[in-house]
Amino acid sequence: MALPSTKLEEITDIYSHPVALNQCREWLEENLGSIDQHAYFDTAMSAIKVSKSKSKIAAIGSKELADDLGLNIIASDIGSEANYTRFVSFSKSKNVPNNANKTSVIMSTSHAEGALYEALGCFAKQKLNLTKLESHPIQGSTFRYQFYIDLETILDSKQIQSAKGELTKIGAKIQVIGCFLADNVI
């Protein structure tokens, strides 16, 4: 989607959530090969950025979003066919499935050289496999980031408890989001 005056061949940059960019990677390479791709907070924020811009930029998102913001869809059906959407449900109670095999956490470190490396070492020392590591800016804290991490372990494993203890000792903060069964297709 882009401003009504923008044509596909004029686009210089495209913004969207990293997952949306990845899902549309083949089409983007084939049709806009040299375009600069920018991973952004989400599809809605990407579209808002485009709607407020005077540049020839575009966003990946839904038709409804484009309609709401007065943007034109300049290409549709650009996602790959092998596309899965993941859903997460939250509960106030600690209700971990018996067959759960992954744990999601949010971690923050000091803003110092090697802090992330040292924190990740706490997981490596416990032989915990990280399957996701994603950084997000901490709102209101310039140049500070928090890290969303998925680990191949159960919530109460000895390894995660030891890693949490080590992280606390080095000044990193960790918050467990939850535990789930990975690759559960419904």
Foldseek 3Di string as FASTA:
>chain_A
DAAPVAAPVQAQEEEAAPLQCVQLVVVCCVRVNPHHYDHDDHQLVRLVVRLPDPGNHYYDDDPVSCVVSVHDDNDPPRGDPPDDDDDDDDDPDQDADPQWFKWKKKKWFDLDPCGVVQLVVLLVVLVKDWPDWDWDDDPPDPPTIMIITMTGGADPDPSVVSSCVSCVVRPMDMDTRHIGHPPDDD
